[in-house]
Amino acid sequence: MNARAYETFVRPLLFSLDPETAHRLTIKLLRAASHSDFALHRLRLFQPPSKPRTLFGLNFPNPIGLAAGLDKNGVALPAWAALGFGFVEIGTITAKAQPGNPKPRIFRLPEQQALIN
């Protein structure tokens, strides 16, 4: 799949779903992809050019990271790396699983091309 296929098919499909459903579907698909060498190879096709950075003595392959909350349990870490994220923050992690905030928890801001989680 190339960027055009994403813009033509995948993005419209995800945006036709409510944000919570789109999030669950994306995490399930990326979790499955994380266990498939073929799928990880395909995801790497979307990686941006590497722009390594060193901050506070830590080396990052890319300055773009994934914020906490998207992959709360860290089930798709290989997929996020394959997509080119320089770092991934998972969680929040607690000793006992929590139900989370009442739904809806994810809101789209179409004009800003953003989500609030």
N, C-alpha and C. Protein backbone atom coordinates (compact mmCIF):
# COMPACT_ATOMS: atom_id res chain seq x y z
N MET A 1 0.86 -1.18 0.00
CA MET A 1 0.00 0.00 0.00
C MET A 1 0.90 1.23 0.00
N ASN A 2 0.55 2.19 -0.80
CA ASN A 2 1.30 3.44 -0.83
C ASN A 2 0.47 4.55 -0.19
N ALA A 3 1.05 5.74 -0.13
CA ALA A 3 0.36 6.87 0.51
C ALA A 3 -0.95 7.19 -0.20
N ARG A 4 -0.98 7.03 -1.51
CA ARG A 4 -2.21 7.32 -2.25
C ARG A 4 -3.32 6.34 -1.87
N ALA A 5 -2.97 5.06 -1.74
CA ALA A 5 -3.95 4.06 -1.33
C ALA A 5 -4.47 4.36 0.08
N TYR A 6 -3.57 4.80 0.95
CA TYR A 6 -3.99 5.18 2.30
C TYR A 6 -5.01 6.32 2.23
N GLU A 7 -4.67 7.37 1.50
CA GLU A 7 -5.55 8.54 1.40
C GLU A 7 -6.87 8.20 0.72
N THR A 8 -6.85 7.27 -0.24
CA THR A 8 -8.05 6.94 -1.01
C THR A 8 -8.96 5.95 -0.29
N PHE A 9 -8.37 4.97 0.40
CA PHE A 9 -9.18 3.88 0.97
C PHE A 9 -9.15 3.82 2.49
N VAL A 10 -7.97 3.75 3.07
CA VAL A 10 -7.86 3.50 4.51
C VAL A 10 -8.37 4.68 5.33
N ARG A 11 -7.89 5.87 5.02
CA ARG A 11 -8.30 7.04 5.79
C ARG A 11 -9.81 7.26 5.74
N PRO A 12 -10.43 7.23 4.55
CA PRO A 12 -11.89 7.39 4.52
C PRO A 12 -12.62 6.31 5.33
N LEU A 13 -12.11 5.07 5.30
CA LEU A 13 -12.73 4.00 6.09
C LEU A 13 -12.64 4.33 7.58
N LEU A 14 -11.45 4.68 8.05
CA LEU A 14 -11.28 4.99 9.47
C LEU A 14 -12.13 6.19 9.89
N PHE A 15 -12.21 7.20 9.01
CA PHE A 15 -12.97 8.39 9.36
C PHE A 15 -14.48 8.18 9.23
N SER A 16 -14.90 7.09 8.61
CA SER A 16 -16.33 6.77 8.56
C SER A 16 -16.79 6.13 9.87
N LEU A 17 -15.83 5.66 10.66
CA LEU A 17 -16.13 5.04 11.95
C LEU A 17 -16.06 6.08 13.05
N ASP A 18 -16.76 5.82 14.17
CA ASP A 18 -16.59 6.73 15.29
C ASP A 18 -15.15 6.58 15.80
N PRO A 19 -14.59 7.61 16.42
CA PRO A 19 -13.19 7.57 16.81
C PRO A 19 -12.81 6.39 17.71
N GLU A 20 -13.67 6.00 18.64
CA GLU A 20 -13.36 4.86 19.53
C GLU A 20 -13.21 3.57 18.73
N THR A 21 -14.12 3.34 17.79
CA THR A 21 -14.07 2.13 16.96
C THR A 21 -12.83 2.15 16.06
N ALA A 22 -12.54 3.30 15.47
CA ALA A 22 -11.35 3.42 14.61
C ALA A 22 -10.09 3.14 15.42
N HIS A 23 -10.04 3.62 16.65
CA HIS A 23 -8.88 3.39 17.52
C HIS A 23 -8.72 1.90 17.82
N ARG A 24 -9.82 1.25 18.23
CA ARG A 24 -9.76 -0.19 18.54
C ARG A 24 -9.31 -0.99 17.33
N LEU A 25 -9.88 -0.69 16.16
CA LEU A 25 -9.53 -1.40 14.94
C LEU A 25 -8.06 -1.21 14.59
N THR A 26 -7.59 0.02 14.68
CA THR A 26 -6.19 0.31 14.37
C THR A 26 -5.25 -0.44 15.30
N ILE A 27 -5.53 -0.43 16.59
CA ILE A 27 -4.67 -1.13 17.56
C ILE A 27 -4.70 -2.63 17.28
N LYS A 28 -5.87 -3.21 17.00
CA LYS A 28 -5.95 -4.64 16.69
C LYS A 28 -5.13 -4.99 15.46
N LEU A 29 -5.25 -4.18 14.41
CA LEU A 29 -4.50 -4.45 13.18
C LEU A 29 -3.00 -4.30 13.39
N LEU A 30 -2.58 -3.25 14.11
CA LEU A 30 -1.15 -3.05 14.35
C LEU A 30 -0.59 -4.09 15.32
N ARG A 31 -1.42 -4.55 16.24
CA ARG A 31 -0.98 -5.64 17.13
C ARG A 31 -0.71 -6.89 16.31
N ALA A 32 -1.62 -7.23 15.41
CA ALA A 32 -1.42 -8.40 14.55
C ALA A 32 -0.20 -8.20 13.65
N ALA A 33 -0.06 -7.01 13.10
CA ALA A 33 1.08 -6.72 12.23
C ALA A 33 2.40 -6.86 12.97
N SER A 34 2.39 -6.57 14.26
CA SER A 34 3.61 -6.65 15.07
C SER A 34 4.15 -8.07 15.17
N HIS A 35 3.33 -9.06 14.83
CA HIS A 35 3.75 -10.47 14.90
C HIS A 35 3.98 -11.07 13.52
N SER A 36 4.06 -10.21 12.51
CA SER A 36 4.23 -10.69 11.14
C SER A 36 5.40 -9.96 10.47
N ASP A 37 6.43 -10.71 10.11
CA ASP A 37 7.57 -10.09 9.42
C ASP A 37 7.12 -9.42 8.12
N PHE A 38 6.21 -10.07 7.40
CA PHE A 38 5.72 -9.51 6.14
C PHE A 38 5.03 -8.16 6.39
N ALA A 39 4.13 -8.12 7.38
CA ALA A 39 3.41 -6.89 7.67
C ALA A 39 4.36 -5.79 8.14
N LEU A 40 5.33 -6.13 8.98
CA LEU A 40 6.29 -5.13 9.45
C LEU A 40 7.10 -4.58 8.28
N HIS A 41 7.47 -5.45 7.36
CA HIS A 41 8.19 -4.99 6.17
C HIS A 41 7.34 -3.99 5.38
N ARG A 42 6.06 -4.30 5.22
CA ARG A 42 5.16 -3.40 4.48
C ARG A 42 5.01 -2.06 5.20
N LEU A 43 4.92 -2.10 6.54
CA LEU A 43 4.80 -0.85 7.29
C LEU A 43 6.05 0.01 7.15
N ARG A 44 7.21 -0.63 7.05
CA ARG A 44 8.47 0.13 6.91
C ARG A 44 8.50 0.95 5.62
N LEU A 45 7.66 0.60 4.65
CA LEU A 45 7.60 1.37 3.42
C LEU A 45 7.11 2.80 3.67
N PHE A 46 6.45 3.02 4.81
CA PHE A 46 5.92 4.34 5.15
C PHE A 46 6.87 5.16 6.01
N GLN A 47 8.03 4.58 6.37
CA GLN A 47 8.96 5.30 7.24
C GLN A 47 9.46 6.57 6.57
N PRO A 48 9.47 7.66 7.33
CA PRO A 48 10.08 8.88 6.80
C PRO A 48 11.60 8.74 6.81
N PRO A 49 12.31 9.61 6.11
CA PRO A 49 13.77 9.55 6.18
C PRO A 49 14.24 9.71 7.62
N SER A 50 15.27 8.99 7.99
CA SER A 50 15.81 9.04 9.35
C SER A 50 16.43 10.41 9.62
N LYS A 51 16.12 10.96 10.78
CA LYS A 51 16.70 12.24 11.22
C LYS A 51 17.12 12.08 12.67
N PRO A 52 18.21 11.34 12.90
CA PRO A 52 18.63 11.04 14.28
C PRO A 52 18.86 12.30 15.10
N ARG A 53 18.55 12.19 16.39
CA ARG A 53 18.77 13.27 17.34
C ARG A 53 19.32 12.67 18.63
N THR A 54 20.14 13.44 19.32
CA THR A 54 20.61 13.06 20.64
C THR A 54 20.15 14.14 21.61
N LEU A 55 19.38 13.75 22.60
CA LEU A 55 18.86 14.66 23.61
C LEU A 55 19.10 14.05 24.98
N PHE A 56 19.64 14.84 25.87
CA PHE A 56 19.88 14.38 27.24
C PHE A 56 20.67 13.08 27.28
N GLY A 57 21.58 12.93 26.33
CA GLY A 57 22.41 11.73 26.28
C GLY A 57 21.72 10.51 25.70
N LEU A 58 20.51 10.67 25.20
CA LEU A 58 19.77 9.56 24.60
C LEU A 58 19.74 9.74 23.09
N ASN A 59 19.93 8.65 22.37
CA ASN A 59 19.91 8.67 20.90
C ASN A 59 18.54 8.24 20.39
N PHE A 60 17.96 9.06 19.53
CA PHE A 60 16.66 8.77 18.93
C PHE A 60 16.84 8.70 17.42
N PRO A 61 16.26 7.68 16.77
CA PRO A 61 16.39 7.56 15.32
C PRO A 61 15.59 8.61 14.56
N ASN A 62 14.64 9.24 15.24
CA ASN A 62 13.74 10.19 14.60
C ASN A 62 13.20 11.11 15.69
N PRO A 63 12.99 12.39 15.42
CA PRO A 63 12.49 13.29 16.47
C PRO A 63 10.97 13.19 16.69
N ILE A 64 10.27 12.42 15.89
CA ILE A 64 8.82 12.28 16.05
C ILE A 64 8.52 11.06 16.90
N GLY A 65 7.75 11.27 17.97
CA GLY A 65 7.39 10.17 18.86
C GLY A 65 5.90 10.00 18.96
N LEU A 66 5.51 8.90 19.56
CA LEU A 66 4.10 8.59 19.77
C LEU A 66 3.78 8.83 21.23
N ALA A 67 2.80 9.67 21.50
CA ALA A 67 2.45 10.04 22.86
C ALA A 67 1.71 8.93 23.59
N ALA A 68 1.76 9.01 24.90
CA ALA A 68 1.04 8.04 25.74
C ALA A 68 -0.45 8.12 25.44
N GLY A 69 -1.12 6.99 25.59
CA GLY A 69 -2.56 6.96 25.43
C GLY A 69 -3.03 6.30 24.16
N LEU A 70 -2.23 6.34 23.11
CA LEU A 70 -2.68 5.72 21.86
C LEU A 70 -2.58 4.20 21.97
N ASP A 71 -1.45 3.71 22.44
CA ASP A 71 -1.25 2.26 22.64
C ASP A 71 -1.03 2.05 24.13
N LYS A 72 -2.12 2.11 24.88
CA LYS A 72 -2.05 2.12 26.34
C LYS A 72 -1.29 0.93 26.93
N ASN A 73 -1.40 -0.24 26.31
CA ASN A 73 -0.76 -1.44 26.85
C ASN A 73 0.49 -1.85 26.09
N GLY A 74 0.92 -1.05 25.16
CA GLY A 74 2.13 -1.35 24.41
C GLY A 74 2.06 -2.62 23.59
N VAL A 75 0.90 -2.89 22.98
CA VAL A 75 0.71 -4.15 22.25
C VAL A 75 1.19 -4.10 20.80
N ALA A 76 1.54 -2.90 20.32
CA ALA A 76 1.92 -2.77 18.91
C ALA A 76 3.29 -2.11 18.74
N LEU A 77 4.18 -2.29 19.70
CA LEU A 77 5.47 -1.61 19.67
C LEU A 77 6.27 -1.87 18.39
N PRO A 78 6.37 -3.12 17.91
CA PRO A 78 7.12 -3.33 16.66
C PRO A 78 6.51 -2.57 15.48
N ALA A 79 5.20 -2.45 15.45
CA ALA A 79 4.54 -1.73 14.34
C ALA A 79 4.86 -0.25 14.40
N TRP A 80 4.83 0.35 15.60
CA TRP A 80 5.16 1.77 15.72
C TRP A 80 6.60 2.02 15.26
N ALA A 81 7.52 1.14 15.66
CA ALA A 81 8.92 1.28 15.24
C ALA A 81 9.02 1.14 13.72
N ALA A 82 8.29 0.19 13.15
CA ALA A 82 8.32 -0.02 11.70
C ALA A 82 7.80 1.21 10.95
N LEU A 83 6.87 1.92 11.55
CA LEU A 83 6.32 3.13 10.93
C LEU A 83 7.27 4.32 11.05
N GLY A 84 8.34 4.16 11.84
CA GLY A 84 9.36 5.20 11.90
C GLY A 84 9.33 6.11 13.11
N PHE A 85 8.50 5.82 14.09
CA PHE A 85 8.50 6.66 15.29
C PHE A 85 9.84 6.53 15.99
N GLY A 86 10.39 7.66 16.43
CA GLY A 86 11.68 7.66 17.09
C GLY A 86 11.61 7.20 18.53
N PHE A 87 10.44 7.30 19.12
CA PHE A 87 10.21 6.82 20.48
C PHE A 87 8.72 6.64 20.67
N VAL A 88 8.36 5.79 21.63
CA VAL A 88 6.96 5.50 21.92
C VAL A 88 6.78 5.54 23.42
N GLU A 89 5.77 6.28 23.86
CA GLU A 89 5.43 6.32 25.27
C GLU A 89 4.15 5.51 25.44
N ILE A 90 4.22 4.47 26.25
CA ILE A 90 3.03 3.65 26.47
C ILE A 90 2.43 4.01 27.82
N GLY A 91 1.22 3.52 28.03
CA GLY A 91 0.61 3.70 29.34
C GLY A 91 -0.56 4.65 29.25
N THR A 92 -1.06 4.85 30.34
CA THR A 92 -0.58 4.73 31.70
C THR A 92 -0.70 3.28 32.16
N ILE A 93 0.29 2.80 32.90
CA ILE A 93 0.30 1.43 33.40
C ILE A 93 0.07 1.47 34.89
N THR A 94 -0.87 0.66 35.36
CA THR A 94 -1.18 0.57 36.79
C THR A 94 -1.07 -0.87 37.25
N ALA A 95 -0.96 -1.07 38.55
CA ALA A 95 -0.85 -2.42 39.11
C ALA A 95 -2.08 -3.26 38.78
N LYS A 96 -3.25 -2.63 38.79
CA LYS A 96 -4.50 -3.31 38.46
C LYS A 96 -5.15 -2.56 37.29
N ALA A 97 -5.66 -3.32 36.34
CA ALA A 97 -6.32 -2.70 35.18
C ALA A 97 -7.46 -1.80 35.64
N GLN A 98 -7.59 -0.67 34.97
CA GLN A 98 -8.62 0.31 35.28
C GLN A 98 -9.57 0.44 34.09
N PRO A 99 -10.84 0.77 34.34
CA PRO A 99 -11.79 0.86 33.23
C PRO A 99 -11.58 2.08 32.34
N GLY A 100 -10.89 3.10 32.82
CA GLY A 100 -10.69 4.29 32.01
C GLY A 100 -11.83 5.28 32.17
N ASN A 101 -11.72 6.35 31.46
CA ASN A 101 -12.73 7.40 31.52
C ASN A 101 -13.98 6.99 30.76
N PRO A 102 -15.12 7.61 31.09
CA PRO A 102 -16.35 7.29 30.35
C PRO A 102 -16.20 7.66 28.87
N LYS A 103 -16.91 6.91 28.02
CA LYS A 103 -16.88 7.17 26.59
C LYS A 103 -17.95 8.21 26.26
N PRO A 104 -17.74 8.99 25.25
CA PRO A 104 -16.61 9.00 24.33
C PRO A 104 -15.38 9.66 24.96
N ARG A 105 -14.21 9.12 24.63
CA ARG A 105 -12.95 9.64 25.15
C ARG A 105 -12.09 10.23 24.05
N ILE A 106 -12.40 9.89 22.82
CA ILE A 106 -11.61 10.36 21.69
C ILE A 106 -12.48 11.26 20.84
N PHE A 107 -11.96 12.44 20.53
CA PHE A 107 -12.71 13.42 19.76
C PHE A 107 -11.86 13.88 18.58
N ARG A 108 -12.48 14.00 17.43
CA ARG A 108 -11.78 14.49 16.24
C ARG A 108 -11.91 16.01 16.14
N LEU A 109 -10.83 16.64 15.73
CA LEU A 109 -10.83 18.06 15.40
C LEU A 109 -10.43 18.15 13.93
N PRO A 110 -11.40 17.97 13.01
CA PRO A 110 -11.07 17.88 11.58
C PRO A 110 -10.31 19.08 11.03
N GLU A 111 -10.69 20.28 11.44
CA GLU A 111 -10.02 21.46 10.88
C GLU A 111 -8.55 21.53 11.28
N GLN A 112 -8.22 21.00 12.46
CA GLN A 112 -6.83 20.98 12.91
C GLN A 112 -6.13 19.68 12.55
N GLN A 113 -6.86 18.75 11.92
CA GLN A 113 -6.35 17.42 11.59
C GLN A 113 -5.74 16.78 12.84
N ALA A 114 -6.53 16.78 13.93
CA ALA A 114 -6.03 16.31 15.22
C ALA A 114 -7.09 15.50 15.94
N LEU A 115 -6.63 14.80 16.98
CA LEU A 115 -7.49 14.06 17.89
C LEU A 115 -7.23 14.54 19.30
N ILE A 116 -8.25 14.49 20.13
CA ILE A 116 -8.09 14.68 21.56
C ILE A 116 -8.42 13.34 22.19
N ASN A 117 -7.52 12.86 23.04
CA ASN A 117 -7.72 11.57 23.70
C ASN A 117 -7.70 11.82 25.19
